[in-house]
Amino acid sequence: MTCKDCGKTIGPQQYKASKDSLGITLCERHSKLIKRVILDNSTPLEAIHLFYALKEAGVHPMLEWWDGKKSVDIAISRVKLNIEIDKDYNMITHEQAINDLEDAMHSFKNGFTTVRIPHLAIKYYLDETVENILGIISGLKANIKAI
């Protein structure tokens, strides 16, 4: 059993503690760091799962990246992609909808594309979600080269 972040071998107690609290195999140091990120930013667990799945797929994501206006759940700076995880997408109000649109406009003006992903897509379809994000990254890379 190894830490998904640093590759350090971890014991059965740390494995169980990490899996029970975060759903991911992390050493004690990285478990503490991720728990601090969650507490400081109200980061959804699905964002943590997606972050590590993208790392495993060879992407270099950044967790809770500051875009100049707010913290973004996951950013992939090489292709200027921001990923937001919608926790309450079924409870959206018209005010939240316009705020989301303004946030997307702010990101787009700075050259970033923002994708909003429902947490349930990550919870139940993590592999498919990663494949789709890899497709988005591929498309953004092609457009960057075309300019």
N, C-alpha and C. Protein backbone atom coordinates (compact mmCIF):
# COMPACT_ATOMS: atom_id res chain seq x y z
N MET A 1 0.84 -1.17 0.00
CA MET A 1 0.00 0.00 0.00
C MET A 1 0.89 1.24 0.00
N THR A 2 0.62 2.11 -0.96
CA THR A 2 1.43 3.31 -1.09
C THR A 2 0.55 4.56 -1.16
N CYS A 3 1.14 5.68 -0.78
CA CYS A 3 0.46 6.97 -0.83
C CYS A 3 0.29 7.38 -2.29
N LYS A 4 -0.91 7.80 -2.65
CA LYS A 4 -1.19 8.24 -4.02
C LYS A 4 -0.49 9.54 -4.37
N ASP A 5 0.02 10.24 -3.37
CA ASP A 5 0.67 11.51 -3.64
C ASP A 5 2.18 11.36 -3.76
N CYS A 6 2.81 10.73 -2.77
CA CYS A 6 4.27 10.67 -2.75
C CYS A 6 4.84 9.28 -3.04
N GLY A 7 3.99 8.26 -3.04
CA GLY A 7 4.46 6.90 -3.31
C GLY A 7 5.07 6.21 -2.11
N LYS A 8 5.04 6.87 -0.97
CA LYS A 8 5.59 6.30 0.27
C LYS A 8 4.75 5.11 0.72
N THR A 9 5.42 4.07 1.19
CA THR A 9 4.72 2.89 1.71
C THR A 9 4.03 3.27 3.01
N ILE A 10 2.78 2.85 3.14
CA ILE A 10 2.03 3.14 4.37
C ILE A 10 1.54 1.84 4.99
N GLY A 11 1.37 1.88 6.29
CA GLY A 11 0.93 0.71 7.02
C GLY A 11 -0.58 0.52 6.96
N PRO A 12 -1.05 -0.63 7.43
CA PRO A 12 -2.48 -0.93 7.38
C PRO A 12 -3.36 0.05 8.16
N GLN A 13 -2.85 0.55 9.30
CA GLN A 13 -3.65 1.50 10.09
C GLN A 13 -3.84 2.81 9.34
N GLN A 14 -2.76 3.34 8.75
CA GLN A 14 -2.85 4.59 7.98
C GLN A 14 -3.70 4.37 6.74
N TYR A 15 -3.56 3.21 6.10
CA TYR A 15 -4.36 2.89 4.91
C TYR A 15 -5.84 2.96 5.27
N LYS A 16 -6.22 2.30 6.36
CA LYS A 16 -7.63 2.28 6.77
C LYS A 16 -8.11 3.68 7.16
N ALA A 17 -7.30 4.40 7.93
CA ALA A 17 -7.69 5.75 8.36
C ALA A 17 -7.89 6.66 7.16
N SER A 18 -6.99 6.60 6.20
CA SER A 18 -7.07 7.44 5.01
C SER A 18 -8.27 7.07 4.14
N LYS A 19 -8.46 5.78 3.91
CA LYS A 19 -9.59 5.32 3.09
C LYS A 19 -10.93 5.66 3.75
N ASP A 20 -11.00 5.50 5.08
CA ASP A 20 -12.25 5.78 5.79
C ASP A 20 -12.59 7.26 5.76
N SER A 21 -11.60 8.13 5.92
CA SER A 21 -11.90 9.56 6.02
C SER A 21 -11.92 10.27 4.67
N LEU A 22 -11.07 9.85 3.73
CA LEU A 22 -10.96 10.56 2.45
C LEU A 22 -11.34 9.72 1.24
N GLY A 23 -11.35 8.40 1.41
CA GLY A 23 -11.66 7.53 0.28
C GLY A 23 -10.48 7.32 -0.64
N ILE A 24 -9.29 7.76 -0.23
CA ILE A 24 -8.07 7.66 -1.03
C ILE A 24 -6.93 7.22 -0.13
N THR A 25 -6.00 6.47 -0.68
CA THR A 25 -4.85 6.01 0.07
C THR A 25 -3.78 7.10 0.12
N LEU A 26 -3.59 7.68 1.30
CA LEU A 26 -2.59 8.73 1.48
C LEU A 26 -1.80 8.46 2.76
N CYS A 27 -0.54 8.89 2.76
CA CYS A 27 0.27 8.81 3.98
C CYS A 27 -0.27 9.82 4.99
N GLU A 28 0.26 9.74 6.20
CA GLU A 28 -0.23 10.63 7.27
C GLU A 28 -0.03 12.10 6.91
N ARG A 29 1.13 12.43 6.34
CA ARG A 29 1.44 13.82 5.98
C ARG A 29 0.44 14.34 4.94
N HIS A 30 0.22 13.59 3.88
CA HIS A 30 -0.68 14.06 2.83
C HIS A 30 -2.15 14.02 3.27
N SER A 31 -2.51 13.09 4.13
CA SER A 31 -3.87 13.08 4.69
C SER A 31 -4.13 14.38 5.45
N LYS A 32 -3.16 14.79 6.26
CA LYS A 32 -3.31 16.04 7.02
C LYS A 32 -3.40 17.25 6.09
N LEU A 33 -2.55 17.27 5.05
CA LEU A 33 -2.58 18.38 4.10
C LEU A 33 -3.93 18.48 3.38
N ILE A 34 -4.44 17.35 2.92
CA ILE A 34 -5.72 17.34 2.20
C ILE A 34 -6.86 17.72 3.14
N LYS A 35 -6.83 17.23 4.36
CA LYS A 35 -7.88 17.59 5.33
C LYS A 35 -7.85 19.09 5.62
N ARG A 36 -6.67 19.69 5.65
CA ARG A 36 -6.54 21.13 5.86
C ARG A 36 -7.13 21.89 4.67
N VAL A 37 -6.85 21.42 3.46
CA VAL A 37 -7.42 22.05 2.25
C VAL A 37 -8.94 21.98 2.29
N ILE A 38 -9.48 20.83 2.68
CA ILE A 38 -10.93 20.65 2.77
C ILE A 38 -11.52 21.62 3.79
N LEU A 39 -10.90 21.72 4.95
CA LEU A 39 -11.41 22.62 5.99
C LEU A 39 -11.31 24.09 5.59
N ASP A 40 -10.18 24.47 4.99
CA ASP A 40 -9.96 25.87 4.64
C ASP A 40 -10.83 26.35 3.47
N ASN A 41 -11.16 25.44 2.54
CA ASN A 41 -11.83 25.85 1.30
C ASN A 41 -13.19 25.21 1.07
N SER A 42 -13.65 24.39 2.00
CA SER A 42 -14.89 23.61 1.82
C SER A 42 -14.82 22.79 0.52
N THR A 43 -13.67 22.22 0.27
CA THR A 43 -13.45 21.42 -0.93
C THR A 43 -14.26 20.13 -0.83
N PRO A 44 -15.06 19.82 -1.86
CA PRO A 44 -15.80 18.55 -1.82
C PRO A 44 -14.86 17.35 -1.98
N LEU A 45 -15.20 16.25 -1.33
CA LEU A 45 -14.40 15.03 -1.45
C LEU A 45 -14.27 14.59 -2.91
N GLU A 46 -15.31 14.84 -3.69
CA GLU A 46 -15.26 14.46 -5.10
C GLU A 46 -14.15 15.20 -5.85
N ALA A 47 -13.86 16.43 -5.43
CA ALA A 47 -12.76 17.18 -6.05
C ALA A 47 -11.42 16.52 -5.72
N ILE A 48 -11.30 16.01 -4.51
CA ILE A 48 -10.07 15.31 -4.10
C ILE A 48 -9.93 14.04 -4.94
N HIS A 49 -11.02 13.29 -5.09
CA HIS A 49 -10.98 12.05 -5.87
C HIS A 49 -10.61 12.34 -7.32
N LEU A 50 -11.22 13.38 -7.89
CA LEU A 50 -10.93 13.74 -9.28
C LEU A 50 -9.49 14.22 -9.42
N PHE A 51 -9.01 15.00 -8.47
CA PHE A 51 -7.64 15.49 -8.48
C PHE A 51 -6.65 14.33 -8.59
N TYR A 52 -6.81 13.33 -7.73
CA TYR A 52 -5.87 12.20 -7.73
C TYR A 52 -6.07 11.30 -8.96
N ALA A 53 -7.30 11.19 -9.45
CA ALA A 53 -7.53 10.41 -10.67
C ALA A 53 -6.87 11.08 -11.88
N LEU A 54 -6.92 12.41 -11.93
CA LEU A 54 -6.26 13.15 -13.01
C LEU A 54 -4.75 13.03 -12.91
N LYS A 55 -4.21 13.09 -11.69
CA LYS A 55 -2.77 12.90 -11.50
C LYS A 55 -2.36 11.52 -12.00
N GLU A 56 -3.16 10.52 -11.66
CA GLU A 56 -2.88 9.15 -12.08
C GLU A 56 -2.92 9.01 -13.61
N ALA A 57 -3.74 9.84 -14.26
CA ALA A 57 -3.87 9.80 -15.72
C ALA A 57 -2.77 10.60 -16.42
N GLY A 58 -1.85 11.19 -15.62
CA GLY A 58 -0.73 11.91 -16.21
C GLY A 58 -0.94 13.41 -16.38
N VAL A 59 -2.07 13.91 -15.87
CA VAL A 59 -2.35 15.34 -15.92
C VAL A 59 -1.68 15.98 -14.70
N HIS A 60 -1.36 17.25 -14.79
CA HIS A 60 -0.75 17.96 -13.66
C HIS A 60 -1.74 18.98 -13.11
N PRO A 61 -2.76 18.50 -12.36
CA PRO A 61 -3.77 19.42 -11.83
C PRO A 61 -3.28 20.14 -10.59
N MET A 62 -3.93 21.26 -10.29
CA MET A 62 -3.67 22.01 -9.06
C MET A 62 -4.98 22.06 -8.29
N LEU A 63 -4.90 21.78 -7.02
CA LEU A 63 -6.07 21.75 -6.15
C LEU A 63 -6.24 23.11 -5.49
N GLU A 64 -7.47 23.64 -5.51
CA GLU A 64 -7.81 24.92 -4.89
C GLU A 64 -6.86 26.04 -5.36
N TRP A 65 -6.86 26.26 -6.65
CA TRP A 65 -6.03 27.28 -7.27
C TRP A 65 -6.75 28.62 -7.25
N TRP A 66 -6.04 29.69 -6.88
CA TRP A 66 -6.62 31.04 -6.83
C TRP A 66 -6.58 31.65 -8.22
N ASP A 67 -7.76 32.02 -8.77
CA ASP A 67 -7.81 32.56 -10.13
C ASP A 67 -7.80 34.09 -10.18
N GLY A 68 -7.59 34.71 -9.06
CA GLY A 68 -7.58 36.17 -8.99
C GLY A 68 -8.86 36.73 -8.42
N LYS A 69 -9.90 35.91 -8.40
CA LYS A 69 -11.18 36.33 -7.85
C LYS A 69 -11.67 35.37 -6.77
N LYS A 70 -11.44 34.09 -7.02
CA LYS A 70 -11.88 33.06 -6.07
C LYS A 70 -11.04 31.81 -6.25
N SER A 71 -11.19 30.89 -5.33
CA SER A 71 -10.47 29.62 -5.41
C SER A 71 -11.24 28.65 -6.31
N VAL A 72 -10.52 28.02 -7.22
CA VAL A 72 -11.10 27.06 -8.15
C VAL A 72 -10.80 25.66 -7.63
N ASP A 73 -11.77 24.76 -7.66
CA ASP A 73 -11.57 23.41 -7.12
C ASP A 73 -10.33 22.75 -7.72
N ILE A 74 -10.28 22.68 -9.05
CA ILE A 74 -9.14 22.07 -9.74
C ILE A 74 -8.80 22.95 -10.95
N ALA A 75 -7.53 23.20 -11.15
CA ALA A 75 -7.09 23.95 -12.33
C ALA A 75 -6.01 23.15 -13.05
N ILE A 76 -6.06 23.23 -14.36
CA ILE A 76 -5.02 22.63 -15.20
C ILE A 76 -4.46 23.79 -16.01
N SER A 77 -3.40 24.39 -15.48
CA SER A 77 -2.91 25.66 -16.02
C SER A 77 -2.31 25.54 -17.41
N ARG A 78 -1.77 24.40 -17.76
CA ARG A 78 -1.13 24.25 -19.08
C ARG A 78 -2.09 24.48 -20.23
N VAL A 79 -3.38 24.19 -19.99
CA VAL A 79 -4.38 24.41 -21.04
C VAL A 79 -5.43 25.42 -20.60
N LYS A 80 -5.17 26.08 -19.47
CA LYS A 80 -6.08 27.10 -18.94
C LYS A 80 -7.50 26.57 -18.74
N LEU A 81 -7.58 25.47 -18.00
CA LEU A 81 -8.87 24.83 -17.70
C LEU A 81 -9.12 24.88 -16.21
N ASN A 82 -10.26 25.44 -15.82
CA ASN A 82 -10.73 25.44 -14.44
C ASN A 82 -11.87 24.44 -14.32
N ILE A 83 -11.83 23.62 -13.27
CA ILE A 83 -12.88 22.64 -13.03
C ILE A 83 -13.52 22.93 -11.68
N GLU A 84 -14.81 23.15 -11.70
CA GLU A 84 -15.58 23.37 -10.47
C GLU A 84 -16.48 22.16 -10.25
N ILE A 85 -16.56 21.71 -9.02
CA ILE A 85 -17.43 20.58 -8.68
C ILE A 85 -18.70 21.15 -8.07
N ASP A 86 -19.84 20.85 -8.71
CA ASP A 86 -21.13 21.31 -8.21
C ASP A 86 -21.64 20.33 -7.17
N LYS A 87 -21.72 20.81 -5.93
CA LYS A 87 -22.23 19.98 -4.84
C LYS A 87 -23.75 20.05 -4.77
N ASP A 88 -24.31 21.22 -5.05
CA ASP A 88 -25.75 21.43 -4.90
C ASP A 88 -26.38 21.82 -6.23
N TYR A 89 -25.99 21.13 -7.31
CA TYR A 89 -26.46 21.53 -8.63
C TYR A 89 -27.97 21.42 -8.79
N ASN A 90 -28.62 20.58 -8.01
CA ASN A 90 -30.08 20.44 -8.13
C ASN A 90 -30.83 21.51 -7.34
N MET A 91 -30.12 22.32 -6.58
CA MET A 91 -30.75 23.35 -5.76
C MET A 91 -30.40 24.75 -6.27
N ILE A 92 -30.09 24.90 -7.53
CA ILE A 92 -29.62 26.17 -8.05
C ILE A 92 -30.74 27.20 -8.09
N THR A 93 -30.39 28.41 -7.70
CA THR A 93 -31.34 29.53 -7.76
C THR A 93 -30.95 30.41 -8.94
N HIS A 94 -31.82 31.35 -9.30
CA HIS A 94 -31.49 32.23 -10.41
C HIS A 94 -30.29 33.12 -10.05
N GLU A 95 -30.14 33.47 -8.77
CA GLU A 95 -28.98 34.28 -8.36
C GLU A 95 -27.69 33.49 -8.53
N GLN A 96 -27.73 32.20 -8.13
CA GLN A 96 -26.54 31.36 -8.28
C GLN A 96 -26.21 31.14 -9.75
N ALA A 97 -27.24 30.99 -10.57
CA ALA A 97 -27.02 30.79 -12.01
C ALA A 97 -26.31 31.99 -12.62
N ILE A 98 -26.72 33.19 -12.27
CA ILE A 98 -26.09 34.38 -12.83
C ILE A 98 -24.69 34.56 -12.25
N ASN A 99 -24.49 34.22 -10.98
CA ASN A 99 -23.15 34.27 -10.38
C ASN A 99 -22.21 33.29 -11.08
N ASP A 100 -22.70 32.09 -11.38
CA ASP A 100 -21.90 31.10 -12.10
C ASP A 100 -21.53 31.61 -13.49
N LEU A 101 -22.48 32.25 -14.15
CA LEU A 101 -22.22 32.81 -15.47
C LEU A 101 -21.17 33.93 -15.40
N GLU A 102 -21.28 34.78 -14.40
CA GLU A 102 -20.30 35.85 -14.22
C GLU A 102 -18.91 35.29 -13.92
N ASP A 103 -18.85 34.23 -13.10
CA ASP A 103 -17.56 33.60 -12.82
C ASP A 103 -16.95 33.02 -14.09
N ALA A 104 -17.79 32.38 -14.91
CA ALA A 104 -17.31 31.82 -16.17
C ALA A 104 -16.80 32.93 -17.09
N MET A 105 -17.51 34.06 -17.12
CA MET A 105 -17.09 35.20 -17.94
C MET A 105 -15.74 35.73 -17.46
N HIS A 106 -15.58 35.87 -16.14
CA HIS A 106 -14.32 36.34 -15.57
C HIS A 106 -13.17 35.42 -15.99
N SER A 107 -13.37 34.11 -15.87
CA SER A 107 -12.35 33.15 -16.27
C SER A 107 -12.05 33.24 -17.75
N PHE A 108 -13.10 33.33 -18.56
CA PHE A 108 -12.93 33.36 -20.02
C PHE A 108 -12.17 34.62 -20.45
N LYS A 109 -12.46 35.74 -19.81
CA LYS A 109 -11.75 36.98 -20.12
C LYS A 109 -10.25 36.85 -19.84
N ASN A 110 -9.90 36.01 -18.89
CA ASN A 110 -8.50 35.77 -18.56
C ASN A 110 -7.94 34.59 -19.34
N GLY A 111 -8.68 34.10 -20.32
CA GLY A 111 -8.20 33.02 -21.18
C GLY A 111 -8.44 31.62 -20.65
N PHE A 112 -9.23 31.50 -19.59
CA PHE A 112 -9.50 30.19 -19.00
C PHE A 112 -10.89 29.70 -19.38
N THR A 113 -10.99 28.39 -19.55
CA THR A 113 -12.27 27.73 -19.77
C THR A 113 -12.69 27.12 -18.43
N THR A 114 -13.94 27.33 -18.04
CA THR A 114 -14.44 26.76 -16.79
C THR A 114 -15.47 25.67 -17.10
N VAL A 115 -15.26 24.51 -16.50
CA VAL A 115 -16.18 23.38 -16.66
C VAL A 115 -16.76 23.09 -15.28
N ARG A 116 -18.07 22.97 -15.22
CA ARG A 116 -18.75 22.62 -13.96
C ARG A 116 -19.21 21.17 -14.06
N ILE A 117 -18.82 20.36 -13.08
CA ILE A 117 -19.13 18.94 -13.09
C ILE A 117 -19.95 18.60 -11.85
N PRO A 118 -21.12 17.99 -12.03
CA PRO A 118 -21.90 17.56 -10.86
C PRO A 118 -21.12 16.52 -10.04
N HIS A 119 -21.19 16.64 -8.73
CA HIS A 119 -20.44 15.71 -7.87
C HIS A 119 -20.83 14.26 -8.10
N LEU A 120 -22.07 14.03 -8.50
CA LEU A 120 -22.52 12.65 -8.73
C LEU A 120 -21.81 12.00 -9.92
N ALA A 121 -21.43 12.80 -10.91
CA ALA A 121 -20.68 12.26 -12.06
C ALA A 121 -19.34 11.70 -11.60
N ILE A 122 -18.73 12.37 -10.65
CA ILE A 122 -17.44 11.91 -10.12
C ILE A 122 -17.64 10.72 -9.19
N LYS A 123 -18.66 10.81 -8.36
CA LYS A 123 -18.92 9.75 -7.38
C LYS A 123 -19.21 8.41 -8.05
N TYR A 124 -20.01 8.44 -9.13
CA TYR A 124 -20.44 7.20 -9.75
C TYR A 124 -19.77 6.89 -11.09
N TYR A 125 -19.18 7.89 -11.72
CA TYR A 125 -18.58 7.70 -13.05
C TYR A 125 -17.21 8.36 -13.13
N LEU A 126 -16.35 8.08 -12.16
CA LEU A 126 -15.04 8.73 -12.09
C LEU A 126 -14.21 8.48 -13.35
N ASP A 127 -14.12 7.23 -13.79
CA ASP A 127 -13.30 6.90 -14.96
C ASP A 127 -13.80 7.63 -16.21
N GLU A 128 -15.11 7.64 -16.41
CA GLU A 128 -15.68 8.32 -17.57
C GLU A 128 -15.47 9.83 -17.49
N THR A 129 -15.56 10.37 -16.29
CA THR A 129 -15.34 11.80 -16.09
C THR A 129 -13.90 12.16 -16.44
N VAL A 130 -12.95 11.35 -15.99
CA VAL A 130 -11.54 11.59 -16.31
C VAL A 130 -11.32 11.50 -17.82
N GLU A 131 -11.92 10.50 -18.48
CA GLU A 131 -11.78 10.37 -19.94
C GLU A 131 -12.30 11.61 -20.65
N ASN A 132 -13.44 12.12 -20.21
CA ASN A 132 -14.00 13.32 -20.82
C ASN A 132 -13.12 14.55 -20.59
N ILE A 133 -12.58 14.67 -19.40
CA ILE A 133 -11.68 15.79 -19.12
C ILE A 133 -10.42 15.68 -19.97
N LEU A 134 -9.90 14.46 -20.13
CA LEU A 134 -8.74 14.27 -21.01
C LEU A 134 -9.07 14.70 -22.44
N GLY A 135 -10.30 14.44 -22.88
CA GLY A 135 -10.74 14.89 -24.21
C GLY A 135 -10.80 16.41 -24.29
N ILE A 136 -11.29 17.05 -23.24
CA ILE A 136 -11.34 18.51 -23.19
C ILE A 136 -9.92 19.08 -23.24
N ILE A 137 -9.02 18.48 -22.47
CA ILE A 137 -7.62 18.93 -22.45
C ILE A 137 -7.01 18.80 -23.84
N SER A 138 -7.28 17.69 -24.50
CA SER A 138 -6.77 17.47 -25.86
C SER A 138 -7.28 18.54 -26.82
N GLY A 139 -8.56 18.85 -26.74
CA GLY A 139 -9.15 19.89 -27.58
C GLY A 139 -8.58 21.26 -27.29
N LEU A 140 -8.37 21.57 -26.02
CA LEU A 140 -7.79 22.86 -25.65
C LEU A 140 -6.34 22.96 -26.12
N LYS A 141 -5.59 21.86 -26.02
CA LYS A 141 -4.20 21.86 -26.52
C LYS A 141 -4.16 22.13 -28.01
N ALA A 142 -5.07 21.51 -28.76
CA ALA A 142 -5.13 21.70 -30.22
C ALA A 142 -5.43 23.15 -30.55
N ASN A 143 -6.34 23.76 -29.80
CA ASN A 143 -6.69 25.16 -30.05
C ASN A 143 -5.55 26.11 -29.66
N ILE A 144 -4.83 25.77 -28.62
CA ILE A 144 -3.70 26.62 -28.20
C ILE A 144 -2.63 26.61 -29.28
N LYS A 145 -2.36 25.43 -29.88
CA LYS A 145 -1.35 25.31 -30.92
C LYS A 145 -1.78 26.01 -32.20
N ALA A 146 -3.11 26.06 -32.43
CA ALA A 146 -3.61 26.66 -33.66
C ALA A 146 -3.48 28.18 -33.67
N ILE A 147 -3.38 28.77 -32.50
CA ILE A 147 -3.34 30.23 -32.40
C ILE A 147 -1.97 30.75 -32.80
